[in-house]
Amino acid sequence: MSVLAFSAAQWILLLVFVIPVVILWAYAIVSLVARRDLGIGAKLLWLLGILLLPIIGSILYFMLRPAPQEQNRRAQARHKH
């Protein structure tokens, strides 16, 4: 089946659900990798959760992560040691 042969309902599903979920998933991974306040172990656990459960894992990641100011404070405290 070619991309051009999608029905209208499939295009709507793609535009309304699939593309936003992929964007959310990718943004969660990029955000996680960029964090300086987490160690490699915590990053790997979060990455595993995001990869295995893309929607739930991404939503939980964004709900449970600290505010950017708190991340910066934690990163500075982590690098002082």
PDB file of N, CA and C in Angstrom:
ATOM      1  N   MET A   1       0.847  -1.172   0.000  1.00  0.00           N
ATOM      2  CA  MET A   1       0.000   0.000   0.000  1.00  0.00           C
ATOM      3  C   MET A   1       0.895   1.238   0.000  1.00  0.00           C
ATOM      4  N   SER A   2       0.687   2.103  -0.930  1.00  0.00           N
ATOM      5  CA  SER A   2       1.500   3.313  -0.992  1.00  0.00           C
ATOM      6  C   SER A   2       0.893   4.397  -0.099  1.00  0.00           C
ATOM      7  N   VAL A   3       1.701   5.380   0.202  1.00  0.00           N
ATOM      8  CA  VAL A   3       1.246   6.481   1.039  1.00  0.00           C
ATOM      9  C   VAL A   3       0.078   7.213   0.399  1.00  0.00           C
ATOM     10  N   LEU A   4       0.085   7.309  -0.889  1.00  0.00           N
ATOM     11  CA  LEU A   4      -0.985   8.021  -1.581  1.00  0.00           C
ATOM     12  C   LEU A   4      -2.317   7.281  -1.542  1.00  0.00           C
ATOM     13  N   ALA A   5      -2.286   5.988  -1.229  1.00  0.00           N
ATOM     14  CA  ALA A   5      -3.507   5.197  -1.211  1.00  0.00           C
ATOM     15  C   ALA A   5      -4.197   5.210   0.152  1.00  0.00           C
ATOM     16  N   PHE A   6      -3.707   6.011   1.097  1.00  0.00           N
ATOM     17  CA  PHE A   6      -4.357   6.099   2.400  1.00  0.00           C
ATOM     18  C   PHE A   6      -5.767   6.660   2.233  1.00  0.00           C
ATOM     19  N   SER A   7      -6.702   6.149   3.028  1.00  0.00           N
ATOM     20  CA  SER A   7      -8.047   6.715   3.031  1.00  0.00           C
ATOM     21  C   SER A   7      -8.046   7.990   3.863  1.00  0.00           C
ATOM     22  N   ALA A   8      -9.118   8.730   3.783  1.00  0.00           N
ATOM     23  CA  ALA A   8      -9.235   9.968   4.554  1.00  0.00           C
ATOM     24  C   ALA A   8      -9.146   9.682   6.048  1.00  0.00           C
ATOM     25  N   ALA A   9      -9.778   8.610   6.496  1.00  0.00           N
ATOM     26  CA  ALA A   9      -9.745   8.253   7.914  1.00  0.00           C
ATOM     27  C   ALA A   9      -8.318   7.921   8.365  1.00  0.00           C
ATOM     28  N   GLN A  10      -7.552   7.263   7.517  1.00  0.00           N
ATOM     29  CA  GLN A  10      -6.170   6.940   7.871  1.00  0.00           C
ATOM     30  C   GLN A  10      -5.317   8.201   7.942  1.00  0.00           C
ATOM     31  N   TRP A  11      -5.547   9.147   7.058  1.00  0.00           N
ATOM     32  CA  TRP A  11      -4.815  10.409   7.106  1.00  0.00           C
ATOM     33  C   TRP A  11      -5.145  11.174   8.383  1.00  0.00           C
ATOM     34  N   ILE A  12      -6.418  11.193   8.744  1.00  0.00           N
ATOM     35  CA  ILE A  12      -6.835  11.890   9.962  1.00  0.00           C
ATOM     36  C   ILE A  12      -6.196  11.225  11.179  1.00  0.00           C
ATOM     37  N   LEU A  13      -6.220   9.912  11.237  1.00  0.00           N
ATOM     38  CA  LEU A  13      -5.592   9.181  12.331  1.00  0.00           C
ATOM     39  C   LEU A  13      -4.108   9.505  12.407  1.00  0.00           C
ATOM     40  N   LEU A  14      -3.466   9.549  11.269  1.00  0.00           N
ATOM     41  CA  LEU A  14      -2.036   9.856  11.216  1.00  0.00           C
ATOM     42  C   LEU A  14      -1.772  11.273  11.725  1.00  0.00           C
ATOM     43  N   LEU A  15      -2.535  12.224  11.251  1.00  0.00           N
ATOM     44  CA  LEU A  15      -2.309  13.618  11.624  1.00  0.00           C
ATOM     45  C   LEU A  15      -2.694  13.932  13.062  1.00  0.00           C
ATOM     46  N   VAL A  16      -3.752  13.307  13.557  1.00  0.00           N
ATOM     47  CA  VAL A  16      -4.265  13.631  14.879  1.00  0.00           C
ATOM     48  C   VAL A  16      -3.598  12.811  15.983  1.00  0.00           C
ATOM     49  N   PHE A  17      -3.203  11.589  15.712  1.00  0.00           N
ATOM     50  CA  PHE A  17      -2.697  10.730  16.765  1.00  0.00           C
ATOM     51  C   PHE A  17      -1.234  10.348  16.580  1.00  0.00           C
ATOM     52  N   VAL A  18      -0.884   9.780  15.475  1.00  0.00           N
ATOM     53  CA  VAL A  18       0.445   9.197  15.299  1.00  0.00           C
ATOM     54  C   VAL A  18       1.541  10.259  15.308  1.00  0.00           C
ATOM     55  N   ILE A  19       1.393  11.304  14.532  1.00  0.00           N
ATOM     56  CA  ILE A  19       2.430  12.330  14.453  1.00  0.00           C
ATOM     57  C   ILE A  19       2.638  13.027  15.803  1.00  0.00           C
ATOM     58  N   PRO A  20       1.599  13.462  16.518  1.00  0.00           N
ATOM     59  CA  PRO A  20       1.835  14.063  17.841  1.00  0.00           C
ATOM     60  C   PRO A  20       2.504  13.103  18.834  1.00  0.00           C
ATOM     61  N   VAL A  21       2.145  11.831  18.793  1.00  0.00           N
ATOM     62  CA  VAL A  21       2.764  10.862  19.697  1.00  0.00           C
ATOM     63  C   VAL A  21       4.247  10.698  19.371  1.00  0.00           C
ATOM     64  N   VAL A  22       4.589  10.639  18.106  1.00  0.00           N
ATOM     65  CA  VAL A  22       5.992  10.521  17.710  1.00  0.00           C
ATOM     66  C   VAL A  22       6.763  11.776  18.125  1.00  0.00           C
ATOM     67  N   ILE A  23       6.161  12.942  17.975  1.00  0.00           N
ATOM     68  CA  ILE A  23       6.814  14.186  18.391  1.00  0.00           C
ATOM     69  C   ILE A  23       7.017  14.188  19.908  1.00  0.00           C
ATOM     70  N   LEU A  24       6.004  13.811  20.670  1.00  0.00           N
ATOM     71  CA  LEU A  24       6.109  13.731  22.126  1.00  0.00           C
ATOM     72  C   LEU A  24       7.218  12.768  22.530  1.00  0.00           C
ATOM     73  N   TRP A  25       7.253  11.607  21.916  1.00  0.00           N
ATOM     74  CA  TRP A  25       8.239  10.571  22.202  1.00  0.00           C
ATOM     75  C   TRP A  25       9.645  11.076  21.906  1.00  0.00           C
ATOM     76  N   ALA A  26       9.830  11.681  20.759  1.00  0.00           N
ATOM     77  CA  ALA A  26      11.152  12.187  20.379  1.00  0.00           C
ATOM     78  C   ALA A  26      11.581  13.329  21.301  1.00  0.00           C
ATOM     79  N   TYR A  27      10.667  14.219  21.649  1.00  0.00           N
ATOM     80  CA  TYR A  27      10.998  15.337  22.531  1.00  0.00           C
ATOM     81  C   TYR A  27      11.375  14.841  23.922  1.00  0.00           C
ATOM     82  N   ALA A  28      10.684  13.813  24.404  1.00  0.00           N
ATOM     83  CA  ALA A  28      11.018  13.237  25.709  1.00  0.00           C
ATOM     84  C   ALA A  28      12.437  12.673  25.699  1.00  0.00           C
ATOM     85  N   ILE A  29      12.800  11.977  24.644  1.00  0.00           N
ATOM     86  CA  ILE A  29      14.143  11.388  24.556  1.00  0.00           C
ATOM     87  C   ILE A  29      15.199  12.483  24.476  1.00  0.00           C
ATOM     88  N   VAL A  30      14.980  13.484  23.647  1.00  0.00           N
ATOM     89  CA  VAL A  30      15.947  14.583  23.521  1.00  0.00           C
ATOM     90  C   VAL A  30      16.083  15.323  24.850  1.00  0.00           C
ATOM     91  N   SER A  31      14.968  15.589  25.501  1.00  0.00           N
ATOM     92  CA  SER A  31      14.989  16.272  26.791  1.00  0.00           C
ATOM     93  C   SER A  31      15.742  15.452  27.833  1.00  0.00           C
ATOM     94  N   LEU A  32      15.500  14.168  27.853  1.00  0.00           N
ATOM     95  CA  LEU A  32      16.163  13.282  28.807  1.00  0.00           C
ATOM     96  C   LEU A  32      17.673  13.269  28.595  1.00  0.00           C
ATOM     97  N   VAL A  33      18.095  13.118  27.361  1.00  0.00           N
ATOM     98  CA  VAL A  33      19.528  13.040  27.052  1.00  0.00           C
ATOM     99  C   VAL A  33      20.223  14.355  27.421  1.00  0.00           C
ATOM    100  N   ALA A  34      19.530  15.485  27.284  1.00  0.00           N
ATOM    101  CA  ALA A  34      20.129  16.794  27.546  1.00  0.00           C
ATOM    102  C   ALA A  34      20.226  17.119  29.034  1.00  0.00           C
ATOM    103  N   ARG A  35      19.539  16.383  29.874  1.00  0.00           N
ATOM    104  CA  ARG A  35      19.553  16.698  31.304  1.00  0.00           C
ATOM    105  C   ARG A  35      20.926  16.450  31.911  1.00  0.00           C
ATOM    106  N   ARG A  36      21.365  17.405  32.728  1.00  0.00           N
ATOM    107  CA  ARG A  36      22.664  17.282  33.383  1.00  0.00           C
ATOM    108  C   ARG A  36      22.526  16.886  34.847  1.00  0.00           C
ATOM    109  N   ASP A  37      21.294  16.857  35.356  1.00  0.00           N
ATOM    110  CA  ASP A  37      21.106  16.556  36.772  1.00  0.00           C
ATOM    111  C   ASP A  37      20.922  15.072  37.052  1.00  0.00           C
ATOM    112  N   LEU A  38      20.851  14.250  36.017  1.00  0.00           N
ATOM    113  CA  LEU A  38      20.670  12.812  36.201  1.00  0.00           C
ATOM    114  C   LEU A  38      21.947  12.071  35.842  1.00  0.00           C
ATOM    115  N   GLY A  39      22.189  11.001  36.569  1.00  0.00           N
ATOM    116  CA  GLY A  39      23.304  10.132  36.247  1.00  0.00           C
ATOM    117  C   GLY A  39      22.935   9.205  35.099  1.00  0.00           C
ATOM    118  N   ILE A  40      23.913   8.462  34.632  1.00  0.00           N
ATOM    119  CA  ILE A  40      23.691   7.566  33.498  1.00  0.00           C
ATOM    120  C   ILE A  40      22.673   6.482  33.829  1.00  0.00           C
ATOM    121  N   GLY A  41      22.691   5.980  35.055  1.00  0.00           N
ATOM    122  CA  GLY A  41      21.747   4.938  35.450  1.00  0.00           C
ATOM    123  C   GLY A  41      20.307   5.404  35.399  1.00  0.00           C
ATOM    124  N   ALA A  42      20.053   6.594  35.945  1.00  0.00           N
ATOM    125  CA  ALA A  42      18.697   7.154  35.931  1.00  0.00           C
ATOM    126  C   ALA A  42      18.254   7.445  34.503  1.00  0.00           C
ATOM    127  N   LYS A  43      19.174   7.961  33.689  1.00  0.00           N
ATOM    128  CA  LYS A  43      18.835   8.232  32.292  1.00  0.00           C
ATOM    129  C   LYS A  43      18.481   6.940  31.556  1.00  0.00           C
ATOM    130  N   LEU A  44      19.248   5.894  31.798  1.00  0.00           N
ATOM    131  CA  LEU A  44      18.967   4.620  31.129  1.00  0.00           C
ATOM    132  C   LEU A  44      17.619   4.048  31.551  1.00  0.00           C
ATOM    133  N   LEU A  45      17.286   4.157  32.837  1.00  0.00           N
ATOM    134  CA  LEU A  45      15.977   3.668  33.296  1.00  0.00           C
ATOM    135  C   LEU A  45      14.837   4.454  32.662  1.00  0.00           C
ATOM    136  N   TRP A  46      14.971   5.782  32.629  1.00  0.00           N
ATOM    137  CA  TRP A  46      13.943   6.596  31.988  1.00  0.00           C
ATOM    138  C   TRP A  46      13.840   6.276  30.504  1.00  0.00           C
ATOM    139  N   LEU A  47      14.994   6.134  29.859  1.00  0.00           N
ATOM    140  CA  LEU A  47      15.000   5.825  28.430  1.00  0.00           C
ATOM    141  C   LEU A  47      14.297   4.499  28.165  1.00  0.00           C
ATOM    142  N   LEU A  48      14.565   3.516  28.993  1.00  0.00           N
ATOM    143  CA  LEU A  48      13.909   2.216  28.854  1.00  0.00           C
ATOM    144  C   LEU A  48      12.388   2.359  28.986  1.00  0.00           C
ATOM    145  N   GLY A  49      11.953   3.124  29.982  1.00  0.00           N
ATOM    146  CA  GLY A  49      10.515   3.342  30.164  1.00  0.00           C
ATOM    147  C   GLY A  49       9.882   4.069  28.987  1.00  0.00           C
ATOM    148  N   ILE A  50      10.588   5.069  28.467  1.00  0.00           N
ATOM    149  CA  ILE A  50      10.061   5.835  27.335  1.00  0.00           C
ATOM    150  C   ILE A  50      10.016   4.984  26.070  1.00  0.00           C
ATOM    151  N   LEU A  51      11.020   4.139  25.878  1.00  0.00           N
ATOM    152  CA  LEU A  51      11.051   3.302  24.678  1.00  0.00           C
ATOM    153  C   LEU A  51      10.039   2.159  24.737  1.00  0.00           C
ATOM    154  N   LEU A  52       9.879   1.549  25.916  1.00  0.00           N
ATOM    155  CA  LEU A  52       8.962   0.415  26.037  1.00  0.00           C
ATOM    156  C   LEU A  52       7.492   0.837  26.087  1.00  0.00           C
ATOM    157  N   LEU A  53       7.241   1.984  26.689  1.00  0.00           N
ATOM    158  CA  LEU A  53       5.869   2.503  26.806  1.00  0.00           C
ATOM    159  C   LEU A  53       5.863   3.938  26.282  1.00  0.00           C
ATOM    160  N   PRO A  54       5.905   4.120  24.971  1.00  0.00           N
ATOM    161  CA  PRO A  54       6.114   5.462  24.413  1.00  0.00           C
ATOM    162  C   PRO A  54       5.146   6.530  24.909  1.00  0.00           C
ATOM    163  N   ILE A  55       3.886   6.258  24.947  1.00  0.00           N
ATOM    164  CA  ILE A  55       2.927   7.286  25.355  1.00  0.00           C
ATOM    165  C   ILE A  55       2.961   7.480  26.864  1.00  0.00           C
ATOM    166  N   ILE A  56       2.769   6.412  27.607  1.00  0.00           N
ATOM    167  CA  ILE A  56       2.736   6.500  29.068  1.00  0.00           C
ATOM    168  C   ILE A  56       4.096   6.931  29.611  1.00  0.00           C
ATOM    169  N   GLY A  57       5.164   6.340  29.090  1.00  0.00           N
ATOM    170  CA  GLY A  57       6.503   6.680  29.555  1.00  0.00           C
ATOM    171  C   GLY A  57       6.836   8.140  29.318  1.00  0.00           C
ATOM    172  N   SER A  58       6.490   8.664  28.149  1.00  0.00           N
ATOM    173  CA  SER A  58       6.757  10.071  27.840  1.00  0.00           C
ATOM    174  C   SER A  58       5.938  10.998  28.730  1.00  0.00           C
ATOM    175  N   ILE A  59       4.684  10.691  28.903  1.00  0.00           N
ATOM    176  CA  ILE A  59       3.818  11.528  29.744  1.00  0.00           C
ATOM    177  C   ILE A  59       4.314  11.506  31.184  1.00  0.00           C
ATOM    178  N   LEU A  60       4.653  10.331  31.704  1.00  0.00           N
ATOM    179  CA  LEU A  60       5.182  10.241  33.072  1.00  0.00           C
ATOM    180  C   LEU A  60       6.489  11.007  33.210  1.00  0.00           C
ATOM    181  N   TYR A  61       7.351  10.902  32.216  1.00  0.00           N
ATOM    182  CA  TYR A  61       8.619  11.623  32.263  1.00  0.00           C
ATOM    183  C   TYR A  61       8.372  13.121  32.417  1.00  0.00           C
ATOM    184  N   PHE A  62       7.488  13.681  31.610  1.00  0.00           N
ATOM    185  CA  PHE A  62       7.227  15.122  31.677  1.00  0.00           C
ATOM    186  C   PHE A  62       6.489  15.512  32.953  1.00  0.00           C
ATOM    187  N   MET A  63       5.641  14.646  33.465  1.00  0.00           N
ATOM    188  CA  MET A  63       4.920  14.950  34.695  1.00  0.00           C
ATOM    189  C   MET A  63       5.831  14.890  35.920  1.00  0.00           C
ATOM    190  N   LEU A  64       6.783  13.974  35.928  1.00  0.00           N
ATOM    191  CA  LEU A  64       7.600  13.742  37.118  1.00  0.00           C
ATOM    192  C   LEU A  64       8.938  14.467  37.124  1.00  0.00           C
ATOM    193  N   ARG A  65       9.354  15.010  35.995  1.00  0.00           N
ATOM    194  CA  ARG A  65      10.643  15.696  35.987  1.00  0.00           C
ATOM    195  C   ARG A  65      10.513  17.021  36.729  1.00  0.00           C
ATOM    196  N   PRO A  66      11.590  17.449  37.374  1.00  0.00           N
ATOM    197  CA  PRO A  66      11.525  18.738  38.079  1.00  0.00           C
ATOM    198  C   PRO A  66      11.529  19.904  37.093  1.00  0.00           C
ATOM    199  N   ALA A  67      11.174  21.055  37.605  1.00  0.00           N
ATOM    200  CA  ALA A  67      11.195  22.275  36.791  1.00  0.00           C
ATOM    201  C   ALA A  67      12.628  22.545  36.332  1.00  0.00           C
ATOM    202  N   PRO A  68      12.791  23.253  35.214  1.00  0.00           N
ATOM    203  CA  PRO A  68      14.153  23.528  34.722  1.00  0.00           C
ATOM    204  C   PRO A  68      15.060  24.191  35.755  1.00  0.00           C
ATOM    205  N   GLN A  69      14.523  25.091  36.576  1.00  0.00           N
ATOM    206  CA  GLN A  69      15.342  25.741  37.602  1.00  0.00           C
ATOM    207  C   GLN A  69      15.854  24.707  38.605  1.00  0.00           C
ATOM    208  N   GLU A  70      14.996  23.783  38.979  1.00  0.00           N
ATOM    209  CA  GLU A  70      15.384  22.725  39.908  1.00  0.00           C
ATOM    210  C   GLU A  70      16.400  21.793  39.265  1.00  0.00           C
ATOM    211  N   GLN A  71      16.249  21.500  37.983  1.00  0.00           N
ATOM    212  CA  GLN A  71      17.223  20.678  37.274  1.00  0.00           C
ATOM    213  C   GLN A  71      18.594  21.345  37.293  1.00  0.00           C
ATOM    214  N   ASN A  72      18.623  22.662  37.047  1.00  0.00           N
ATOM    215  CA  ASN A  72      19.892  23.387  37.057  1.00  0.00           C
ATOM    216  C   ASN A  72      20.529  23.367  38.441  1.00  0.00           C
ATOM    217  N   ARG A  73      19.728  23.565  39.477  1.00  0.00           N
ATOM    218  CA  ARG A  73      20.243  23.534  40.842  1.00  0.00           C
ATOM    219  C   ARG A  73      20.823  22.168  41.165  1.00  0.00           C
ATOM    220  N   ARG A  74      20.093  21.105  40.778  1.00  0.00           N
ATOM    221  CA  ARG A  74      20.582  19.744  41.031  1.00  0.00           C
ATOM    222  C   ARG A  74      21.855  19.449  40.251  1.00  0.00           C
ATOM    223  N   ALA A  75      21.915  19.922  39.013  1.00  0.00           N
ATOM    224  CA  ALA A  75      23.110  19.691  38.187  1.00  0.00           C
ATOM    225  C   ALA A  75      24.318  20.382  38.806  1.00  0.00           C
ATOM    226  N   GLN A  76      24.137  21.614  39.302  1.00  0.00           N
ATOM    227  CA  GLN A  76      25.250  22.321  39.925  1.00  0.00           C
ATOM    228  C   GLN A  76      25.695  21.611  41.194  1.00  0.00           C
ATOM    229  N   ALA A  77      24.744  21.142  41.984  1.00  0.00           N
ATOM    230  CA  ALA A  77      25.090  20.421  43.215  1.00  0.00           C
ATOM    231  C   ALA A  77      25.785  19.104  42.889  1.00  0.00           C
ATOM    232  N   ARG A  78      25.361  18.453  41.837  1.00  0.00           N
ATOM    233  CA  ARG A  78      25.939  17.169  41.443  1.00  0.00           C
ATOM    234  C   ARG A  78      27.391  17.331  40.977  1.00  0.00           C
ATOM    235  N   HIS A  79      27.700  18.436  40.302  1.00  0.00           N
ATOM    236  CA  HIS A  79      29.046  18.644  39.764  1.00  0.00           C
ATOM    237  C   HIS A  79      30.009  19.237  40.790  1.00  0.00           C
ATOM    238  N   LYS A  80      29.489  19.710  41.931  1.00  0.00           N
ATOM    239  CA  LYS A  80      30.369  20.227  42.975  1.00  0.00           C
ATOM    240  C   LYS A  80      31.114  19.111  43.697  1.00  0.00           C
ATOM    241  N   HIS A  81      30.544  17.923  43.669  1.00  0.00           N
ATOM    242  CA  HIS A  81      31.159  16.801  44.413  1.00  0.00           C
ATOM    243  C   HIS A  81      32.242  16.150  43.654  1.00  0.00           C
TER     244      HIS A  81
END
